[in-house]
Protein backbone atom coordinates (compact mmCIF):
# COMPACT_ATOMS: atom_id res chain seq x y z
CA UNK A 1 105.14 -7.03 172.36
CA UNK A 2 104.07 -4.57 169.70
CA UNK A 3 103.25 -5.88 166.22
CA UNK A 4 105.24 -4.47 163.32
CA UNK A 5 103.34 -2.18 160.99
CA UNK A 6 103.41 -2.77 157.26
CA UNK A 7 105.19 0.39 156.15
CA UNK A 8 105.35 -0.38 152.44
CA UNK A 9 104.79 2.61 150.24
CA UNK A 10 103.54 2.00 146.70
CA UNK A 11 105.92 2.84 143.90
CA UNK A 12 104.80 5.78 141.79
CA UNK A 13 104.79 5.58 138.00
CA UNK A 14 107.67 8.07 137.93
CA UNK A 15 109.74 5.96 140.34
CA UNK A 16 109.15 2.83 138.25
CA UNK A 17 110.04 4.72 135.07
CA UNK A 18 113.26 5.97 136.65
CA UNK A 19 114.13 2.51 137.97
CA UNK A 20 113.63 0.99 134.50
CA UNK A 21 115.84 3.67 133.00
CA UNK A 22 118.67 3.49 135.56
CA UNK A 23 118.77 -0.14 136.65
CA UNK A 24 120.47 -1.79 133.66
CA UNK A 25 123.66 0.25 134.06
CA UNK A 26 123.31 1.85 137.50
CA UNK A 27 124.23 0.57 140.94
CA UNK A 28 121.36 -0.29 143.27
CA UNK A 29 122.75 1.96 146.02
CA UNK A 30 122.94 5.00 143.73
CA UNK A 31 119.45 4.34 142.37
CA UNK A 32 118.10 3.92 145.91
CA UNK A 33 119.58 7.28 146.93
CA UNK A 34 118.16 8.97 143.85
CA UNK A 35 114.68 7.51 144.24
CA UNK A 36 114.61 7.72 148.03
CA UNK A 37 114.14 3.99 148.64
CA UNK A 38 116.22 1.36 150.37
CA UNK A 39 118.73 -0.66 148.35
CA UNK A 40 116.72 -3.78 149.17
CA UNK A 41 113.50 -2.18 147.91
CA UNK A 42 115.22 -1.25 144.64
CA UNK A 43 116.55 -4.78 144.14
CA UNK A 44 113.20 -6.40 144.97
CA UNK A 45 111.25 -4.08 142.66
CA UNK A 46 113.76 -4.58 139.84
CA UNK A 47 113.43 -8.34 140.26
CA UNK A 48 109.62 -8.15 140.25
CA UNK A 49 109.76 -6.07 137.07
CA UNK A 50 112.12 -8.60 135.46
CA UNK A 51 114.90 -6.03 135.10
CA UNK A 52 118.37 -7.41 134.56
CA UNK A 53 121.85 -6.06 134.20
CA UNK A 54 123.32 -6.56 130.72
CA UNK A 55 125.77 -9.43 130.44
CA UNK A 56 129.12 -7.81 131.07
CA UNK A 57 130.97 -10.31 128.95
CA UNK A 58 129.60 -11.67 125.70
CA UNK A 59 129.34 -15.32 124.78
CA UNK A 60 132.69 -16.88 123.92
CA UNK A 61 133.36 -16.76 120.19
CA UNK A 62 134.76 -19.73 118.26
CA UNK A 63 137.94 -17.71 117.72
CA UNK A 64 138.36 -17.18 121.49
CA UNK A 65 137.67 -20.84 122.26
CA UNK A 66 140.13 -22.04 119.62
CA UNK A 67 142.80 -19.67 120.93
CA UNK A 68 142.15 -20.85 124.48
CA UNK A 69 142.49 -24.50 123.43
CA UNK A 70 145.67 -23.73 121.50
CA UNK A 71 147.34 -21.68 124.25
CA UNK A 72 146.26 -23.47 127.42
CA UNK A 73 148.64 -26.39 127.38
CA UNK A 74 151.66 -24.07 127.38
CA UNK A 75 150.45 -20.79 128.94
CA UNK A 76 148.85 -19.81 132.21
CA UNK A 77 145.23 -18.71 132.48
CA UNK A 78 146.48 -15.25 133.43
CA UNK A 79 148.51 -14.84 130.22
CA UNK A 80 145.65 -16.19 128.12
CA UNK A 81 143.21 -13.80 129.80
CA UNK A 82 145.40 -10.88 128.77
CA UNK A 83 145.52 -12.07 125.17
CA UNK A 84 141.80 -12.81 124.91
CA UNK A 85 140.67 -9.78 126.91
CA UNK A 86 138.68 -11.72 129.49
CA UNK A 87 138.98 -11.84 133.29
CA UNK A 88 141.31 -14.56 134.58
CA UNK A 89 138.44 -16.15 136.53
CA UNK A 90 136.36 -16.39 133.34
CA UNK A 91 139.25 -18.09 131.53
CA UNK A 92 139.74 -20.54 134.42
CA UNK A 93 136.04 -21.36 134.45
CA UNK A 94 136.00 -21.93 130.68
CA UNK A 95 139.08 -24.19 130.95
CA UNK A 96 137.27 -26.22 133.61
CA UNK A 97 134.01 -26.38 131.62
CA UNK A 98 135.87 -27.53 128.51
CA UNK A 99 137.72 -30.15 130.53
CA UNK A 100 141.09 -28.93 129.22
CA UNK A 101 144.17 -30.51 130.78
CA UNK A 102 147.79 -29.42 130.85
CA UNK A 103 150.09 -31.74 128.93
CA UNK A 104 151.30 -34.59 131.11
CA UNK A 105 148.30 -34.36 133.49
């Protein structure tokens, strides 16, 4: 059985610079194609550099939370999501985390 060779190629300064520029808003696959690296290599290097994607949805405001608490007993998470401008799954998760209950439950 033949031993695997370590085929890692060091990242150049230009590649790292490009990764830092593109990673926050770009997709790993597109960056990998542009740099000429595997998607996995891009993700690993980004992680090692501490690069992160920006939070797509901001922290819930007091206004949003109050509206959620006011609307939830009578409206579905889907309707509330439309009014607040958040994904339905995010609204459901917030309802769960707040321990909100429908009236009569």
